[in-house]
Amino acid sequence: MERSGSRSPSDDREAVGPVLTPGPLADAVIAAIRGANADVTVIDRGAYLRVLVPRRCRLERARVAEILEADFQLPGDLEAIMPSFRGRLTIAEERALWELSTKDQILADQSAKLRYLFEQLAVTGSKAMVDRYVTTPARHRPAPASLRTAVPAA
């Protein structure tokens, strides 16, 4: 297994996958992930194992059961050893899939969270009141010296 520092920070931004509690079940899950995905990195942090795969990480239930030579059920058996994960997780009966969220998905999720927060705070529909009583002060800053010399005054 690879240790921390084996990946560059730019690789990690587009990596997804589970964080697993070490043990025989985690070893089987990692083996199944390695078999189904290219460029798998496992970072051993002692108390946990971080599995990272670029953009999409796929796990097949049947492959884990085959490796274990025992039954493996999704989502229960995976959730028991997965305290965290990175990415958007979709779990079905036969597979788990971690994917990199798109910008549109992230913005939609944030919008839904803010809408919920505003509803709970009972401040929906208050834009007109805010516009009436709150004004934004104008901020005028002089242009930087380098810009003043590069661009002639109009």
C-alpha atoms as a PDB file:
ATOM      1  CA  MET A   1       0.000   0.000   0.000  1.00  0.00           C
ATOM      2  CA  GLU A   2       1.133   3.504  -0.692  1.00  0.00           C
ATOM      3  CA  ARG A   3       1.710   6.021   2.075  1.00  0.00           C
ATOM      4  CA  SER A   4       0.625   9.628   2.241  1.00  0.00           C
ATOM      5  CA  GLY A   5       2.486  12.012  -0.025  1.00  0.00           C
ATOM      6  CA  SER A   6       2.538   9.549  -2.917  1.00  0.00           C
ATOM      7  CA  ARG A   7       0.081  11.634  -4.944  1.00  0.00           C
ATOM      8  CA  SER A   8       0.284  15.247  -5.967  1.00  0.00           C
ATOM      9  CA  PRO A   9      -2.334  17.673  -4.584  1.00  0.00           C
ATOM     10  CA  SER A  10      -3.770  18.229  -8.089  1.00  0.00           C
ATOM     11  CA  ASP A  11      -4.421  14.464  -8.413  1.00  0.00           C
ATOM     12  CA  ASP A  12      -6.368  14.445  -5.146  1.00  0.00           C
ATOM     13  CA  ARG A  13      -8.803  17.153  -6.277  1.00  0.00           C
ATOM     14  CA  GLU A  14     -10.270  14.816  -8.884  1.00  0.00           C
ATOM     15  CA  ALA A  15      -9.999  11.608  -6.852  1.00  0.00           C
ATOM     16  CA  VAL A  16     -12.967   9.819  -5.274  1.00  0.00           C
ATOM     17  CA  GLY A  17     -13.437   6.712  -3.181  1.00  0.00           C
ATOM     18  CA  PRO A  18     -14.052   5.270   0.264  1.00  0.00           C
ATOM     19  CA  VAL A  19     -12.248   5.692   3.556  1.00  0.00           C
ATOM     20  CA  LEU A  20     -12.096   2.243   5.155  1.00  0.00           C
ATOM     21  CA  THR A  21     -11.412   0.833   8.597  1.00  0.00           C
ATOM     22  CA  PRO A  22      -8.462  -1.593   8.203  1.00  0.00           C
ATOM     23  CA  GLY A  23      -9.138  -5.324   8.355  1.00  0.00           C
ATOM     24  CA  PRO A  24      -9.858  -8.374   6.198  1.00  0.00           C
ATOM     25  CA  LEU A  25     -13.110  -6.930   4.829  1.00  0.00           C
ATOM     26  CA  ALA A  26     -11.374  -3.675   3.857  1.00  0.00           C
ATOM     27  CA  ASP A  27      -8.615  -5.705   2.152  1.00  0.00           C
ATOM     28  CA  ALA A  28     -11.249  -7.532   0.073  1.00  0.00           C
ATOM     29  CA  VAL A  29     -12.996  -4.273  -0.854  1.00  0.00           C
ATOM     30  CA  ILE A  30      -9.667  -2.734  -1.894  1.00  0.00           C
ATOM     31  CA  ALA A  31      -8.795  -5.807  -3.975  1.00  0.00           C
ATOM     32  CA  ALA A  32     -12.189  -5.606  -5.722  1.00  0.00           C
ATOM     33  CA  ILE A  33     -11.707  -1.855  -6.353  1.00  0.00           C
ATOM     34  CA  ARG A  34      -8.232  -2.499  -7.780  1.00  0.00           C
ATOM     35  CA  GLY A  35      -9.702  -5.125 -10.118  1.00  0.00           C
ATOM     36  CA  ALA A  36     -12.445  -2.837 -11.417  1.00  0.00           C
ATOM     37  CA  ASN A  37     -10.594   0.488 -11.695  1.00  0.00           C
ATOM     38  CA  ALA A  38      -7.362   1.817 -13.138  1.00  0.00           C
ATOM     39  CA  ASP A  39      -4.885   3.971 -11.206  1.00  0.00           C
ATOM     40  CA  VAL A  40      -6.039   3.069  -7.679  1.00  0.00           C
ATOM     41  CA  THR A  41      -4.089   4.629  -4.813  1.00  0.00           C
ATOM     42  CA  VAL A  42      -4.442   3.441  -1.212  1.00  0.00           C
ATOM     43  CA  ILE A  43      -3.085   5.703   1.491  1.00  0.00           C
ATOM     44  CA  ASP A  44      -2.511   3.936   4.809  1.00  0.00           C
ATOM     45  CA  ARG A  45      -3.045   6.407   7.651  1.00  0.00           C
ATOM     46  CA  GLY A  46      -2.831   3.740  10.339  1.00  0.00           C
ATOM     47  CA  ALA A  47      -6.338   4.155  11.770  1.00  0.00           C
ATOM     48  CA  TYR A  48      -7.900   4.203   8.312  1.00  0.00           C
ATOM     49  CA  LEU A  49      -7.205   3.522   4.634  1.00  0.00           C
ATOM     50  CA  ARG A  50      -8.076   6.181   2.045  1.00  0.00           C
ATOM     51  CA  VAL A  51      -8.817   4.704  -1.383  1.00  0.00           C
ATOM     52  CA  LEU A  52      -8.478   7.194  -4.243  1.00  0.00           C
ATOM     53  CA  VAL A  53      -9.420   6.674  -7.893  1.00  0.00           C
ATOM     54  CA  PRO A  54      -9.466   9.441 -10.517  1.00  0.00           C
ATOM     55  CA  ARG A  55     -13.018  10.737 -11.163  1.00  0.00           C
ATOM     56  CA  ARG A  56     -14.962   7.430 -10.778  1.00  0.00           C
ATOM     57  CA  CYS A  57     -14.548   4.453  -8.422  1.00  0.00           C
ATOM     58  CA  ARG A  58     -16.616   1.317  -8.973  1.00  0.00           C
ATOM     59  CA  LEU A  59     -17.126  -1.573  -6.543  1.00  0.00           C
ATOM     60  CA  GLU A  60     -18.980  -4.774  -7.469  1.00  0.00           C
ATOM     61  CA  ARG A  61     -20.677  -6.717  -4.638  1.00  0.00           C
ATOM     62  CA  ALA A  62     -20.148 -10.084  -6.345  1.00  0.00           C
ATOM     63  CA  ARG A  63     -16.394  -9.517  -6.679  1.00  0.00           C
ATOM     64  CA  VAL A  64     -16.013  -8.710  -2.972  1.00  0.00           C
ATOM     65  CA  ALA A  65     -18.024 -11.845  -2.069  1.00  0.00           C
ATOM     66  CA  GLU A  66     -15.831 -13.903  -4.411  1.00  0.00           C
ATOM     67  CA  ILE A  67     -12.623 -12.567  -2.811  1.00  0.00           C
ATOM     68  CA  LEU A  68     -13.977 -13.113   0.716  1.00  0.00           C
ATOM     69  CA  GLU A  69     -15.447 -16.523  -0.161  1.00  0.00           C
ATOM     70  CA  ALA A  70     -18.368 -15.340   1.963  1.00  0.00           C
ATOM     71  CA  ASP A  71     -21.514 -13.269   1.602  1.00  0.00           C
ATOM     72  CA  PHE A  72     -21.119  -9.512   1.182  1.00  0.00           C
ATOM     73  CA  GLN A  73     -24.196  -7.281   1.185  1.00  0.00           C
ATOM     74  CA  LEU A  74     -24.514  -3.701  -0.005  1.00  0.00           C
ATOM     75  CA  PRO A  75     -25.009  -1.278   1.574  1.00  0.00           C
ATOM     76  CA  GLY A  76     -24.775  -2.738   5.090  1.00  0.00           C
ATOM     77  CA  ASP A  77     -21.427  -4.527   4.975  1.00  0.00           C
ATOM     78  CA  LEU A  78     -19.735  -1.613   3.223  1.00  0.00           C
ATOM     79  CA  GLU A  79     -21.209   1.006   5.573  1.00  0.00           C
ATOM     80  CA  ALA A  80     -19.913  -0.976   8.573  1.00  0.00           C
ATOM     81  CA  ILE A  81     -16.289  -0.369   7.494  1.00  0.00           C
ATOM     82  CA  MET A  82     -16.657   2.972   5.688  1.00  0.00           C
ATOM     83  CA  PRO A  83     -16.702   5.927   8.105  1.00  0.00           C
ATOM     84  CA  SER A  84     -16.304   8.425   5.267  1.00  0.00           C
ATOM     85  CA  PHE A  85     -15.833   8.823   1.525  1.00  0.00           C
ATOM     86  CA  ARG A  86     -14.997  11.394  -1.101  1.00  0.00           C
ATOM     87  CA  GLY A  87     -17.272  12.132  -4.044  1.00  0.00           C
ATOM     88  CA  ARG A  88     -20.914  11.482  -4.776  1.00  0.00           C
ATOM     89  CA  LEU A  89     -21.835   7.961  -3.658  1.00  0.00           C
ATOM     90  CA  THR A  90     -24.558   5.846  -5.264  1.00  0.00           C
ATOM     91  CA  ILE A  91     -25.198   2.414  -3.775  1.00  0.00           C
ATOM     92  CA  ALA A  92     -27.375  -0.199  -5.437  1.00  0.00           C
ATOM     93  CA  GLU A  93     -27.871  -3.844  -4.518  1.00  0.00           C
ATOM     94  CA  GLU A  94     -25.033  -5.062  -6.748  1.00  0.00           C
ATOM     95  CA  ARG A  95     -22.595  -2.133  -6.855  1.00  0.00           C
ATOM     96  CA  ALA A  96     -21.320   1.038  -5.242  1.00  0.00           C
ATOM     97  CA  LEU A  97     -20.158   3.969  -7.325  1.00  0.00           C
ATOM     98  CA  TRP A  98     -18.275   7.051  -6.204  1.00  0.00           C
ATOM     99  CA  GLU A  99     -18.208   9.855  -8.776  1.00  0.00           C
ATOM    100  CA  LEU A 100     -16.759  13.323  -9.009  1.00  0.00           C
ATOM    101  CA  SER A 101     -19.535  15.877  -8.720  1.00  0.00           C
ATOM    102  CA  THR A 102     -19.862  18.280 -11.608  1.00  0.00           C
ATOM    103  CA  LYS A 103     -19.934  22.029 -11.103  1.00  0.00           C
ATOM    104  CA  ASP A 104     -23.676  22.062 -11.877  1.00  0.00           C
ATOM    105  CA  GLN A 105     -24.347  19.345  -9.265  1.00  0.00           C
ATOM    106  CA  ILE A 106     -22.342  21.234  -6.641  1.00  0.00           C
ATOM    107  CA  LEU A 107     -24.167  24.501  -7.391  1.00  0.00           C
ATOM    108  CA  ALA A 108     -27.564  22.761  -7.300  1.00  0.00           C
ATOM    109  CA  ASP A 109     -26.716  21.136  -3.947  1.00  0.00           C
ATOM    110  CA  GLN A 110     -25.576  24.468  -2.490  1.00  0.00           C
ATOM    111  CA  SER A 111     -28.692  26.213  -3.791  1.00  0.00           C
ATOM    112  CA  ALA A 112     -30.932  23.571  -2.191  1.00  0.00           C
ATOM    113  CA  LYS A 113     -29.084  23.898   1.132  1.00  0.00           C
ATOM    114  CA  LEU A 114     -29.394  27.701   1.106  1.00  0.00           C
ATOM    115  CA  ARG A 115     -33.079  27.514   0.153  1.00  0.00           C
ATOM    116  CA  TYR A 116     -33.683  25.148   3.087  1.00  0.00           C
ATOM    117  CA  LEU A 117     -31.739  27.424   5.455  1.00  0.00           C
ATOM    118  CA  PHE A 118     -33.684  30.516   4.356  1.00  0.00           C
ATOM    119  CA  GLU A 119     -36.975  28.645   4.816  1.00  0.00           C
ATOM    120  CA  GLN A 120     -35.974  27.534   8.319  1.00  0.00           C
ATOM    121  CA  LEU A 121     -34.952  31.093   9.235  1.00  0.00           C
ATOM    122  CA  ALA A 122     -38.229  32.398   7.753  1.00  0.00           C
ATOM    123  CA  VAL A 123     -36.412  34.938   5.582  1.00  0.00           C
ATOM    124  CA  THR A 124     -37.731  33.878   2.189  1.00  0.00           C
ATOM    125  CA  GLY A 125     -39.327  36.700   0.198  1.00  0.00           C
ATOM    126  CA  SER A 126     -37.372  39.373   2.073  1.00  0.00           C
ATOM    127  CA  LYS A 127     -35.378  40.661  -0.927  1.00  0.00           C
ATOM    128  CA  ALA A 128     -37.658  43.682  -1.408  1.00  0.00           C
ATOM    129  CA  MET A 129     -37.231  44.677   2.241  1.00  0.00           C
ATOM    130  CA  VAL A 130     -33.452  44.276   2.051  1.00  0.00           C
ATOM    131  CA  ASP A 131     -33.315  46.323  -1.165  1.00  0.00           C
ATOM    132  CA  ARG A 132     -35.380  49.071   0.499  1.00  0.00           C
ATOM    133  CA  TYR A 133     -33.286  49.453   3.671  1.00  0.00           C
ATOM    134  CA  VAL A 134     -29.788  48.230   2.814  1.00  0.00           C
ATOM    135  CA  THR A 135     -27.453  50.118   0.495  1.00  0.00           C
ATOM    136  CA  THR A 136     -24.024  49.046  -0.536  1.00  0.00           C
ATOM    137  CA  PRO A 137     -21.448  51.814  -0.168  1.00  0.00           C
ATOM    138  CA  ALA A 138     -19.440  52.665  -3.262  1.00  0.00           C
ATOM    139  CA  ARG A 139     -15.773  51.717  -3.023  1.00  0.00           C
ATOM    140  CA  HIS A 140     -13.365  53.668  -5.161  1.00  0.00           C
ATOM    141  CA  ARG A 141      -9.774  52.574  -5.281  1.00  0.00           C
ATOM    142  CA  PRO A 142      -7.073  54.189  -7.350  1.00  0.00           C
ATOM    143  CA  ALA A 143      -5.635  52.090 -10.136  1.00  0.00           C
ATOM    144  CA  PRO A 144      -2.303  50.422  -9.337  1.00  0.00           C
ATOM    145  CA  ALA A 145       0.757  52.418 -10.409  1.00  0.00           C
ATOM    146  CA  SER A 146       1.750  49.756 -12.958  1.00  0.00           C
ATOM    147  CA  LEU A 147      -1.656  50.047 -14.604  1.00  0.00           C
ATOM    148  CA  ARG A 148      -1.653  53.880 -14.571  1.00  0.00           C
ATOM    149  CA  THR A 149       1.640  53.952 -16.476  1.00  0.00           C
ATOM    150  CA  ALA A 150       0.643  51.194 -18.907  1.00  0.00           C
ATOM    151  CA  VAL A 151      -2.765  52.667 -19.854  1.00  0.00           C
ATOM    152  CA  PRO A 152      -2.924  56.333 -20.886  1.00  0.00           C
ATOM    153  CA  ALA A 153      -5.581  58.442 -19.157  1.00  0.00           C
ATOM    154  CA  ALA A 154      -8.727  59.009 -21.193  1.00  0.00           C
END
